Full PDB file with SEQRES, HELIX, SHEET, SSBOND, CRYST1, ORIGX, SCALE, CONECT and MASTER records, all heavy atoms in Angstrom:
SEQRES   1 A   38  LYS ASP ILE LYS ASN LYS VAL ILE ARG ALA ASP ASN LEU          
SEQRES   2 A   38  VAL ALA THR ILE LYS LYS MET CYS THR GLU SER LYS LEU          
SEQRES   3 A   38  THR GLU ASN SER ARG LYS VAL MET LEU GLN ASP ALA              
HELIX    1 AA1 LYS A    4  LYS A    6  5                                   3    
HELIX    2 AA2 ALA A   10  ASN A   12  5                                   3    
HELIX    3 AA3 LEU A   13  GLU A   23  1                                  11    
HELIX    4 AA4 ARG A   31  ASP A   37  1                                   7    
CRYST1    1.000    1.000    1.000  90.00  90.00  90.00 P 1           1          
ORIGX1      1.000000  0.000000  0.000000        0.00000                         
ORIGX2      0.000000  1.000000  0.000000        0.00000                         
ORIGX3      0.000000  0.000000  1.000000        0.00000                         
SCALE1      1.000000  0.000000  0.000000        0.00000                         
SCALE2      0.000000  1.000000  0.000000        0.00000                         
SCALE3      0.000000  0.000000  1.000000        0.00000                         
ATOM      1  N   LYS A   1      31.644  -0.476  13.520  1.00  0.00           N  
ATOM      2  CA  LYS A   1      30.595  -0.586  12.511  1.00  0.00           C  
ATOM      3  C   LYS A   1      30.500  -1.981  11.915  1.00  0.00           C  
ATOM      4  O   LYS A   1      29.407  -2.504  11.680  1.00  0.00           O  
ATOM      5  CB  LYS A   1      30.822   0.443  11.399  1.00  0.00           C  
ATOM      6  CG  LYS A   1      29.692   0.500  10.384  1.00  0.00           C  
ATOM      7  CD  LYS A   1      29.933   1.589   9.360  1.00  0.00           C  
ATOM      8  CE  LYS A   1      28.790   1.628   8.345  1.00  0.00           C  
ATOM      9  NZ  LYS A   1      29.017   2.687   7.315  1.00  0.00           N  
ATOM     10  N   ASP A   2      31.657  -2.603  11.649  1.00  0.00           N  
ATOM     11  CA  ASP A   2      31.636  -3.919  11.016  1.00  0.00           C  
ATOM     12  C   ASP A   2      31.026  -4.983  11.914  1.00  0.00           C  
ATOM     13  O   ASP A   2      30.526  -6.004  11.442  1.00  0.00           O  
ATOM     14  CB  ASP A   2      33.044  -4.337  10.578  1.00  0.00           C  
ATOM     15  CG  ASP A   2      33.990  -4.493  11.750  1.00  0.00           C  
ATOM     16  OD1 ASP A   2      33.850  -3.739  12.727  1.00  0.00           O  
ATOM     17  OD2 ASP A   2      34.874  -5.371  11.688  1.00  0.00           O  
ATOM     18  N   ILE A   3      31.059  -4.748  13.236  1.00  0.00           N  
ATOM     19  CA  ILE A   3      30.423  -5.671  14.179  1.00  0.00           C  
ATOM     20  C   ILE A   3      28.951  -5.326  14.351  1.00  0.00           C  
ATOM     21  O   ILE A   3      28.080  -6.203  14.379  1.00  0.00           O  
ATOM     22  CB  ILE A   3      31.157  -5.654  15.538  1.00  0.00           C  
ATOM     23  CG1 ILE A   3      32.537  -6.307  15.387  1.00  0.00           C  
ATOM     24  CG2 ILE A   3      30.333  -6.361  16.617  1.00  0.00           C  
ATOM     25  CD1 ILE A   3      33.334  -6.362  16.663  1.00  0.00           C  
ATOM     26  N   LYS A   4      28.663  -4.043  14.470  1.00  0.00           N  
ATOM     27  CA  LYS A   4      27.294  -3.583  14.681  1.00  0.00           C  
ATOM     28  C   LYS A   4      26.348  -4.117  13.606  1.00  0.00           C  
ATOM     29  O   LYS A   4      25.212  -4.505  13.895  1.00  0.00           O  
ATOM     30  CB  LYS A   4      27.270  -2.056  14.692  1.00  0.00           C  
ATOM     31  CG  LYS A   4      25.910  -1.448  14.987  1.00  0.00           C  
ATOM     32  CD  LYS A   4      25.945   0.069  14.884  1.00  0.00           C  
ATOM     33  CE  LYS A   4      26.886   0.688  15.878  1.00  0.00           C  
ATOM     34  NZ  LYS A   4      26.768   2.165  15.900  1.00  0.00           N  
ATOM     35  N   ASN A   5      26.812  -4.155  12.378  1.00  0.00           N  
ATOM     36  CA  ASN A   5      25.956  -4.590  11.269  1.00  0.00           C  
ATOM     37  C   ASN A   5      25.737  -6.096  11.225  1.00  0.00           C  
ATOM     38  O   ASN A   5      24.921  -6.578  10.439  1.00  0.00           O  
ATOM     39  CB  ASN A   5      26.570  -4.144   9.936  1.00  0.00           C  
ATOM     40  CG  ASN A   5      26.600  -2.637   9.793  1.00  0.00           C  
ATOM     41  OD1 ASN A   5      25.809  -1.932  10.427  1.00  0.00           O  
ATOM     42  ND2 ASN A   5      27.504  -2.132   8.970  1.00  0.00           N  
ATOM     43  N   LYS A   6      26.475  -6.832  12.060  1.00  0.00           N  
ATOM     44  CA  LYS A   6      26.373  -8.294  12.028  1.00  0.00           C  
ATOM     45  C   LYS A   6      25.596  -8.869  13.206  1.00  0.00           C  
ATOM     46  O   LYS A   6      25.408 -10.084  13.292  1.00  0.00           O  
ATOM     47  CB  LYS A   6      27.773  -8.914  12.017  1.00  0.00           C  
ATOM     48  CG  LYS A   6      28.595  -8.569  10.780  1.00  0.00           C  
ATOM     49  CD  LYS A   6      30.008  -9.108  10.897  1.00  0.00           C  
ATOM     50  CE  LYS A   6      30.859  -8.721   9.696  1.00  0.00           C  
ATOM     51  NZ  LYS A   6      32.267  -9.156   9.868  1.00  0.00           N  
ATOM     52  N   VAL A   7      25.154  -8.010  14.134  1.00  0.00           N  
ATOM     53  CA  VAL A   7      24.441  -8.486  15.322  1.00  0.00           C  
ATOM     54  C   VAL A   7      23.045  -7.879  15.356  1.00  0.00           C  
ATOM     55  O   VAL A   7      22.887  -6.656  15.417  1.00  0.00           O  
ATOM     56  CB  VAL A   7      25.198  -8.106  16.610  1.00  0.00           C  
ATOM     57  CG1 VAL A   7      24.479  -8.671  17.837  1.00  0.00           C  
ATOM     58  CG2 VAL A   7      26.636  -8.614  16.560  1.00  0.00           C  
ATOM     59  N   ILE A   8      22.029  -8.734  15.300  1.00  0.00           N  
ATOM     60  CA  ILE A   8      20.648  -8.261  15.259  1.00  0.00           C  
ATOM     61  C   ILE A   8      19.764  -9.139  16.144  1.00  0.00           C  
ATOM     62  O   ILE A   8      20.175 -10.217  16.562  1.00  0.00           O  
ATOM     63  CB  ILE A   8      20.091  -8.286  13.817  1.00  0.00           C  
ATOM     64  CG1 ILE A   8      20.176  -9.719  13.246  1.00  0.00           C  
ATOM     65  CG2 ILE A   8      20.826  -7.298  12.937  1.00  0.00           C  
ATOM     66  CD1 ILE A   8      19.540  -9.869  11.887  1.00  0.00           C  
ATOM     67  N   ARG A   9      18.565  -8.656  16.396  1.00  0.00           N  
ATOM     68  CA  ARG A   9      17.575  -9.480  17.089  1.00  0.00           C  
ATOM     69  C   ARG A   9      16.773 -10.272  16.062  1.00  0.00           C  
ATOM     70  O   ARG A   9      16.697  -9.897  14.894  1.00  0.00           O  
ATOM     71  CB  ARG A   9      16.641  -8.607  17.922  1.00  0.00           C  
ATOM     72  CG  ARG A   9      17.287  -8.031  19.129  1.00  0.00           C  
ATOM     73  CD  ARG A   9      16.324  -7.567  20.189  1.00  0.00           C  
ATOM     74  NE  ARG A   9      14.984  -7.253  19.728  1.00  0.00           N  
ATOM     75  CZ  ARG A   9      14.020  -6.850  20.548  1.00  0.00           C  
ATOM     76  NH1 ARG A   9      14.269  -6.717  21.835  1.00  0.00           N  
ATOM     77  NH2 ARG A   9      12.815  -6.565  20.104  1.00  0.00           N  
ATOM     78  N   ALA A  10      16.167 -11.358  16.513  1.00  0.00           N  
ATOM     79  CA  ALA A  10      15.435 -12.237  15.607  1.00  0.00           C  
ATOM     80  C   ALA A  10      14.305 -11.507  14.884  1.00  0.00           C  
ATOM     81  O   ALA A  10      14.029 -11.772  13.713  1.00  0.00           O  
ATOM     82  CB  ALA A  10      14.887 -13.436  16.373  1.00  0.00           C  
ATOM     83  N   ASP A  11      13.663 -10.572  15.576  1.00  0.00           N  
ATOM     84  CA  ASP A  11      12.544  -9.874  14.948  1.00  0.00           C  
ATOM     85  C   ASP A  11      12.982  -8.889  13.864  1.00  0.00           C  
ATOM     86  O   ASP A  11      12.150  -8.312  13.168  1.00  0.00           O  
ATOM     87  CB  ASP A  11      11.677  -9.166  15.993  1.00  0.00           C  
ATOM     88  CG  ASP A  11      12.483  -8.273  16.927  1.00  0.00           C  
ATOM     89  OD1 ASP A  11      13.684  -8.117  16.697  1.00  0.00           O  
ATOM     90  OD2 ASP A  11      11.902  -7.743  17.883  1.00  0.00           O  
ATOM     91  N   ASN A  12      14.287  -8.710  13.713  1.00  0.00           N  
ATOM     92  CA  ASN A  12      14.802  -7.845  12.654  1.00  0.00           C  
ATOM     93  C   ASN A  12      15.546  -8.644  11.580  1.00  0.00           C  
ATOM     94  O   ASN A  12      16.145  -8.063  10.674  1.00  0.00           O  
ATOM     95  CB  ASN A  12      15.748  -6.792  13.261  1.00  0.00           C  
ATOM     96  CG  ASN A  12      16.009  -5.636  12.323  1.00  0.00           C  
ATOM     97  OD1 ASN A  12      15.116  -5.211  11.581  1.00  0.00           O  
ATOM     98  ND2 ASN A  12      17.223  -5.122  12.336  1.00  0.00           N  
ATOM     99  N   LEU A  13      15.493  -9.977  11.681  1.00  0.00           N  
ATOM    100  CA  LEU A  13      16.259 -10.834  10.784  1.00  0.00           C  
ATOM    101  C   LEU A  13      15.816 -10.695   9.330  1.00  0.00           C  
ATOM    102  O   LEU A  13      16.635 -10.484   8.433  1.00  0.00           O  
ATOM    103  CB  LEU A  13      16.142 -12.292  11.234  1.00  0.00           C  
ATOM    104  CG  LEU A  13      16.786 -13.338  10.316  1.00  0.00           C  
ATOM    105  CD1 LEU A  13      18.275 -13.065  10.143  1.00  0.00           C  
ATOM    106  CD2 LEU A  13      16.548 -14.745  10.856  1.00  0.00           C  
ATOM    107  N   VAL A  14      14.528 -10.832   9.072  1.00  0.00           N  
ATOM    108  CA  VAL A  14      14.031 -10.799   7.699  1.00  0.00           C  
ATOM    109  C   VAL A  14      14.310  -9.444   7.052  1.00  0.00           C  
ATOM    110  O   VAL A  14      14.756  -9.372   5.901  1.00  0.00           O  
ATOM    111  CB  VAL A  14      12.519 -11.121   7.663  1.00  0.00           C  
ATOM    112  CG1 VAL A  14      11.958 -10.873   6.266  1.00  0.00           C  
ATOM    113  CG2 VAL A  14      12.285 -12.578   8.065  1.00  0.00           C  
ATOM    114  N   ALA A  15      14.062  -8.366   7.794  1.00  0.00           N  
ATOM    115  CA  ALA A  15      14.315  -7.026   7.255  1.00  0.00           C  
ATOM    116  C   ALA A  15      15.792  -6.844   6.911  1.00  0.00           C  
ATOM    117  O   ALA A  15      16.137  -6.234   5.890  1.00  0.00           O  
ATOM    118  CB  ALA A  15      13.871  -5.968   8.267  1.00  0.00           C  
ATOM    119  N   THR A  16      16.674  -7.398   7.753  1.00  0.00           N  
ATOM    120  CA  THR A  16      18.113  -7.297   7.514  1.00  0.00           C  
ATOM    121  C   THR A  16      18.524  -8.077   6.267  1.00  0.00           C  
ATOM    122  O   THR A  16      19.296  -7.585   5.429  1.00  0.00           O  
ATOM    123  CB  THR A  16      18.898  -7.819   8.726  1.00  0.00           C  
ATOM    124  OG1 THR A  16      18.578  -7.014   9.874  1.00  0.00           O  
ATOM    125  CG2 THR A  16      20.399  -7.760   8.481  1.00  0.00           C  
ATOM    126  N   ILE A  17      18.003  -9.288   6.125  1.00  0.00           N  
ATOM    127  CA  ILE A  17      18.316 -10.109   4.944  1.00  0.00           C  
ATOM    128  C   ILE A  17      17.854  -9.405   3.671  1.00  0.00           C  
ATOM    129  O   ILE A  17      18.593  -9.322   2.678  1.00  0.00           O  
ATOM    130  CB  ILE A  17      17.664 -11.496   5.070  1.00  0.00           C  
ATOM    131  CG1 ILE A  17      18.402 -12.334   6.125  1.00  0.00           C  
ATOM    132  CG2 ILE A  17      17.675 -12.233   3.726  1.00  0.00           C  
ATOM    133  CD1 ILE A  17      17.793 -13.694   6.381  1.00  0.00           C  
ATOM    134  N   LYS A  18      16.639  -8.874   3.684  1.00  0.00           N  
ATOM    135  CA  LYS A  18      16.110  -8.204   2.493  1.00  0.00           C  
ATOM    136  C   LYS A  18      16.925  -6.955   2.163  1.00  0.00           C  
ATOM    137  O   LYS A  18      17.207  -6.675   0.987  1.00  0.00           O  
ATOM    138  CB  LYS A  18      14.645  -7.842   2.720  1.00  0.00           C  
ATOM    139  CG  LYS A  18      13.716  -9.043   2.690  1.00  0.00           C  
ATOM    140  CD  LYS A  18      12.260  -8.633   2.790  1.00  0.00           C  
ATOM    141  CE  LYS A  18      11.340  -9.837   2.629  1.00  0.00           C  
ATOM    142  NZ  LYS A  18       9.919  -9.467   2.700  1.00  0.00           N  
ATOM    143  N   LYS A  19      17.312  -6.213   3.178  1.00  0.00           N  
ATOM    144  CA  LYS A  19      18.094  -4.992   2.965  1.00  0.00           C  
ATOM    145  C   LYS A  19      19.453  -5.323   2.345  1.00  0.00           C  
ATOM    146  O   LYS A  19      19.901  -4.674   1.384  1.00  0.00           O  
ATOM    147  CB  LYS A  19      18.282  -4.262   4.290  1.00  0.00           C  
ATOM    148  CG  LYS A  19      19.071  -2.949   4.199  1.00  0.00           C  
ATOM    149  CD  LYS A  19      19.081  -2.252   5.556  1.00  0.00           C  
ATOM    150  CE  LYS A  19      19.799  -0.898   5.478  1.00  0.00           C  
ATOM    151  NZ  LYS A  19      21.245  -1.046   5.241  1.00  0.00           N  
ATOM    152  N   MET A  20      20.121  -6.348   2.896  1.00  0.00           N  
ATOM    153  CA  MET A  20      21.434  -6.733   2.381  1.00  0.00           C  
ATOM    154  C   MET A  20      21.342  -7.256   0.956  1.00  0.00           C  
ATOM    155  O   MET A  20      22.217  -6.994   0.124  1.00  0.00           O  
ATOM    156  CB  MET A  20      22.068  -7.767   3.314  1.00  0.00           C  
ATOM    157  CG  MET A  20      22.423  -7.212   4.685  1.00  0.00           C  
ATOM    158  SD  MET A  20      23.081  -8.459   5.832  1.00  0.00           S  
ATOM    159  CE  MET A  20      24.683  -8.802   5.085  1.00  0.00           C  
ATOM    160  N   CYS A  21      20.280  -7.985   0.650  1.00  0.00           N  
ATOM    161  CA  CYS A  21      20.101  -8.502  -0.707  1.00  0.00           C  
ATOM    162  C   CYS A  21      19.814  -7.364  -1.687  1.00  0.00           C  
ATOM    163  O   CYS A  21      20.310  -7.361  -2.824  1.00  0.00           O  
ATOM    164  CB  CYS A  21      18.971  -9.529  -0.736  1.00  0.00           C  
ATOM    165  SG  CYS A  21      19.388 -11.116   0.025  1.00  0.00           S  
ATOM    166  N   THR A  22      19.019  -6.404  -1.254  1.00  0.00           N  
ATOM    167  CA  THR A  22      18.697  -5.254  -2.108  1.00  0.00           C  
ATOM    168  C   THR A  22      19.948  -4.434  -2.417  1.00  0.00           C  
ATOM    169  O   THR A  22      20.147  -3.962  -3.545  1.00  0.00           O  
ATOM    170  CB  THR A  22      17.646  -4.363  -1.428  1.00  0.00           C  
ATOM    171  OG1 THR A  22      16.447  -5.109  -1.220  1.00  0.00           O  
ATOM    172  CG2 THR A  22      17.327  -3.140  -2.285  1.00  0.00           C  
ATOM    173  N   GLU A  23      20.808  -4.278  -1.412  1.00  0.00           N  
ATOM    174  CA  GLU A  23      22.024  -3.475  -1.579  1.00  0.00           C  
ATOM    175  C   GLU A  23      23.110  -4.219  -2.354  1.00  0.00           C  
ATOM    176  O   GLU A  23      24.036  -3.586  -2.887  1.00  0.00           O  
ATOM    177  CB  GLU A  23      22.553  -3.055  -0.205  1.00  0.00           C  
ATOM    178  CG  GLU A  23      21.634  -2.079   0.528  1.00  0.00           C  
ATOM    179  CD  GLU A  23      22.122  -1.776   1.931  1.00  0.00           C  
ATOM    180  OE1 GLU A  23      23.045  -2.484   2.406  1.00  0.00           O  
ATOM    181  OE2 GLU A  23      21.578  -0.845   2.564  1.00  0.00           O  
ATOM    182  N   SER A  24      23.017  -5.539  -2.423  1.00  0.00           N  
ATOM    183  CA  SER A  24      24.029  -6.330  -3.130  1.00  0.00           C  
ATOM    184  C   SER A  24      23.939  -6.108  -4.643  1.00  0.00           C  
ATOM    185  O   SER A  24      22.850  -6.038  -5.222  1.00  0.00           O  
ATOM    186  CB  SER A  24      23.850  -7.821  -2.828  1.00  0.00           C  
ATOM    187  OG  SER A  24      24.690  -8.604  -3.637  1.00  0.00           O  
ATOM    188  N   LYS A  25      25.089  -6.005  -5.292  1.00  0.00           N  
ATOM    189  CA  LYS A  25      25.148  -5.812  -6.737  1.00  0.00           C  
ATOM    190  C   LYS A  25      25.303  -7.139  -7.489  1.00  0.00           C  
ATOM    191  O   LYS A  25      25.464  -7.152  -8.711  1.00  0.00           O  
ATOM    192  CB  LYS A  25      26.302  -4.874  -7.080  1.00  0.00           C  
ATOM    193  CG  LYS A  25      26.120  -3.469  -6.518  1.00  0.00           C  
ATOM    194  CD  LYS A  25      27.288  -2.572  -6.897  1.00  0.00           C  
ATOM    195  CE  LYS A  25      27.105  -1.173  -6.320  1.00  0.00           C  
ATOM    196  NZ  LYS A  25      28.243  -0.267  -6.674  1.00  0.00           N  
ATOM    197  N   LEU A  26      25.269  -8.236  -6.749  1.00  0.00           N  
ATOM    198  CA  LEU A  26      25.387  -9.544  -7.383  1.00  0.00           C  
ATOM    199  C   LEU A  26      24.140  -9.860  -8.207  1.00  0.00           C  
ATOM    200  O   LEU A  26      23.041  -9.384  -7.918  1.00  0.00           O  
ATOM    201  CB  LEU A  26      25.581 -10.633  -6.324  1.00  0.00           C  
ATOM    202  CG  LEU A  26      26.878 -10.578  -5.506  1.00  0.00           C  
ATOM    203  CD1 LEU A  26      26.857 -11.646  -4.431  1.00  0.00           C  
ATOM    204  CD2 LEU A  26      28.102 -10.762  -6.409  1.00  0.00           C  
ATOM    205  N   THR A  27      24.312 -10.699  -9.211  1.00  0.00           N  
ATOM    206  CA  THR A  27      23.194 -11.131 -10.040  1.00  0.00           C  
ATOM    207  C   THR A  27      22.377 -12.183  -9.296  1.00  0.00           C  
ATOM    208  O   THR A  27      22.932 -13.054  -8.626  1.00  0.00           O  
ATOM    209  CB  THR A  27      23.704 -11.736 -11.369  1.00  0.00           C  
ATOM    210  OG1 THR A  27      24.512 -10.764 -12.036  1.00  0.00           O  
ATOM    211  CG2 THR A  27      22.551 -12.147 -12.264  1.00  0.00           C  
ATOM    212  N   GLU A  28      21.061 -12.097  -9.440  1.00  0.00           N  
ATOM    213  CA  GLU A  28      20.197 -13.072  -8.773  1.00  0.00           C  
ATOM    214  C   GLU A  28      20.326 -14.444  -9.429  1.00  0.00           C  
ATOM    215  O   GLU A  28      20.383 -14.562 -10.652  1.00  0.00           O  
ATOM    216  CB  GLU A  28      18.733 -12.626  -8.832  1.00  0.00           C  
ATOM    217  CG  GLU A  28      18.382 -11.507  -7.877  1.00  0.00           C  
ATOM    218  CD  GLU A  28      16.880 -11.358  -7.731  1.00  0.00           C  
ATOM    219  OE1 GLU A  28      16.128 -12.174  -8.311  1.00  0.00           O  
ATOM    220  OE2 GLU A  28      16.457 -10.422  -7.033  1.00  0.00           O  
ATOM    221  N   ASN A  29      20.363 -15.482  -8.587  1.00  0.00           N  
ATOM    222  CA  ASN A  29      20.361 -16.853  -9.085  1.00  0.00           C  
ATOM    223  C   ASN A  29      18.933 -17.350  -9.233  1.00  0.00           C  
ATOM    224  O   ASN A  29      18.028 -16.927  -8.503  1.00  0.00           O  
ATOM    225  CB  ASN A  29      21.109 -17.772  -8.114  1.00  0.00           C  
ATOM    226  CG  ASN A  29      22.605 -17.545  -8.144  1.00  0.00           C  
ATOM    227  OD1 ASN A  29      23.190 -17.377  -9.214  1.00  0.00           O  
ATOM    228  ND2 ASN A  29      23.229 -17.539  -6.974  1.00  0.00           N  
ATOM    229  N   SER A  30      18.721 -18.239 -10.161  1.00  0.00           N  
ATOM    230  CA  SER A  30      17.410 -18.875 -10.297  1.00  0.00           C  
ATOM    231  C   SER A  30      17.202 -19.842  -9.139  1.00  0.00           C  
ATOM    232  O   SER A  30      18.157 -20.245  -8.462  1.00  0.00           O  
ATOM    233  CB  SER A  30      17.328 -19.634 -11.621  1.00  0.00           C  
ATOM    234  OG  SER A  30      18.214 -20.747 -11.604  1.00  0.00           O  
ATOM    235  N   ARG A  31      15.967 -20.228  -8.944  1.00  0.00           N  
ATOM    236  CA  ARG A  31      15.674 -21.184  -7.865  1.00  0.00           C  
ATOM    237  C   ARG A  31      16.371 -22.519  -8.118  1.00  0.00           C  
ATOM    238  O   ARG A  31      16.806 -23.186  -7.184  1.00  0.00           O  
ATOM    239  CB  ARG A  31      14.164 -21.367  -7.746  1.00  0.00           C  
ATOM    240  CG  ARG A  31      13.753 -22.188  -6.546  1.00  0.00           C  
ATOM    241  CD  ARG A  31      12.268 -22.135  -6.288  1.00  0.00           C  
ATOM    242  NE  ARG A  31      11.945 -23.044  -5.207  1.00  0.00           N  
ATOM    243  CZ  ARG A  31      12.041 -22.762  -3.915  1.00  0.00           C  
ATOM    244  NH1 ARG A  31      12.471 -21.572  -3.539  1.00  0.00           N  
ATOM    245  NH2 ARG A  31      11.739 -23.649  -2.987  1.00  0.00           N  
ATOM    246  N   LYS A  32      16.517 -22.891  -9.391  1.00  0.00           N  
ATOM    247  CA  LYS A  32      17.201 -24.135  -9.742  1.00  0.00           C  
ATOM    248  C   LYS A  32      18.666 -24.090  -9.321  1.00  0.00           C  
ATOM    249  O   LYS A  32      19.190 -25.048  -8.736  1.00  0.00           O  
ATOM    250  CB  LYS A  32      17.088 -24.390 -11.239  1.00  0.00           C  
ATOM    251  CG  LYS A  32      17.760 -25.670 -11.702  1.00  0.00           C  
ATOM    252  CD  LYS A  32      17.603 -25.865 -13.197  1.00  0.00           C  
ATOM    253  CE  LYS A  32      18.295 -27.147 -13.655  1.00  0.00           C  
ATOM    254  NZ  LYS A  32      18.151 -27.347 -15.131  1.00  0.00           N  
ATOM    255  N   VAL A  33      19.329 -22.973  -9.601  1.00  0.00           N  
ATOM    256  CA  VAL A  33      20.736 -22.825  -9.226  1.00  0.00           C  
ATOM    257  C   VAL A  33      20.878 -22.792  -7.711  1.00  0.00           C  
ATOM    258  O   VAL A  33      21.805 -23.381  -7.143  1.00  0.00           O  
ATOM    259  CB  VAL A  33      21.330 -21.542  -9.855  1.00  0.00           C  
ATOM    260  CG1 VAL A  33      22.721 -21.263  -9.294  1.00  0.00           C  
ATOM    261  CG2 VAL A  33      21.384 -21.667 -11.369  1.00  0.00           C  
ATOM    262  N   MET A  34      19.948 -22.101  -7.037  1.00  0.00           N  
ATOM    263  CA  MET A  34      19.962 -22.045  -5.565  1.00  0.00           C  
ATOM    264  C   MET A  34      19.873 -23.449  -4.977  1.00  0.00           C  
ATOM    265  O   MET A  34      20.597 -23.798  -4.044  1.00  0.00           O  
ATOM    266  CB  MET A  34      18.802 -21.189  -5.054  1.00  0.00           C  
ATOM    267  CG  MET A  34      18.931 -19.702  -5.322  1.00  0.00           C  
ATOM    268  SD  MET A  34      17.381 -18.834  -4.986  1.00  0.00           S  
ATOM    269  CE  MET A  34      17.141 -19.212  -3.229  1.00  0.00           C  
ATOM    270  N   LEU A  35      18.967 -24.255  -5.532  1.00  0.00           N  
ATOM    271  CA  LEU A  35      18.776 -25.616  -5.023  1.00  0.00           C  
ATOM    272  C   LEU A  35      20.035 -26.453  -5.223  1.00  0.00           C  
ATOM    273  O   LEU A  35      20.441 -27.207  -4.334  1.00  0.00           O  
ATOM    274  CB  LEU A  35      17.593 -26.280  -5.731  1.00  0.00           C  
ATOM    275  CG  LEU A  35      17.349 -27.757  -5.401  1.00  0.00           C  
ATOM    276  CD1 LEU A  35      17.108 -27.942  -3.902  1.00  0.00           C  
ATOM    277  CD2 LEU A  35      16.171 -28.305  -6.199  1.00  0.00           C  
ATOM    278  N   GLN A  36      20.658 -26.327  -6.374  1.00  0.00           N  
ATOM    279  CA  GLN A  36      21.882 -27.083  -6.643  1.00  0.00           C  
ATOM    280  C   GLN A  36      22.975 -26.741  -5.634  1.00  0.00           C  
ATOM    281  O   GLN A  36      23.665 -27.630  -5.115  1.00  0.00           O  
ATOM    282  CB  GLN A  36      22.369 -26.790  -8.071  1.00  0.00           C  
ATOM    283  CG  GLN A  36      21.495 -27.391  -9.153  1.00  0.00           C  
ATOM    284  CD  GLN A  36      21.921 -26.968 -10.552  1.00  0.00           C  
ATOM    285  OE1 GLN A  36      22.665 -25.994 -10.729  1.00  0.00           O  
ATOM    286  NE2 GLN A  36      21.449 -27.687 -11.566  1.00  0.00           N  
ATOM    287  N   ASP A  37      23.127 -25.440  -5.347  1.00  0.00           N  
ATOM    288  CA  ASP A  37      24.159 -25.038  -4.403  1.00  0.00           C  
ATOM    289  C   ASP A  37      23.786 -25.458  -2.981  1.00  0.00           C  
ATOM    290  O   ASP A  37      24.651 -25.865  -2.199  1.00  0.00           O  
ATOM    291  CB  ASP A  37      24.379 -23.525  -4.455  1.00  0.00           C  
ATOM    292  CG  ASP A  37      25.666 -23.122  -3.750  1.00  0.00           C  
ATOM    293  OD1 ASP A  37      26.711 -23.745  -4.011  1.00  0.00           O  
ATOM    294  OD2 ASP A  37      25.625 -22.190  -2.921  1.00  0.00           O  
ATOM    295  N   ALA A  38      22.500 -25.373  -2.652  1.00  0.00           N  
ATOM    296  CA  ALA A  38      22.047 -25.774  -1.316  1.00  0.00           C  
ATOM    297  C   ALA A  38      22.317 -27.261  -1.086  1.00  0.00           C  
ATOM    298  O   ALA A  38      22.778 -27.667  -0.012  1.00  0.00           O  
ATOM    299  CB  ALA A  38      20.558 -25.472  -1.152  1.00  0.00           C  
TER     300      ALA A  38                                                      
MASTER        0    0    0    4    0    0    0    6  299    1    0    3          
END                                                                             
């Protein structure tokens, strides 16, 4: 399972990112904080 969830096709990339972000309990960062870390 831990491998299955990490391997996807490109056409499922965005849906996977959104799903993982939705399920995450972390607090959202502002765009300013995101830019600083980037």
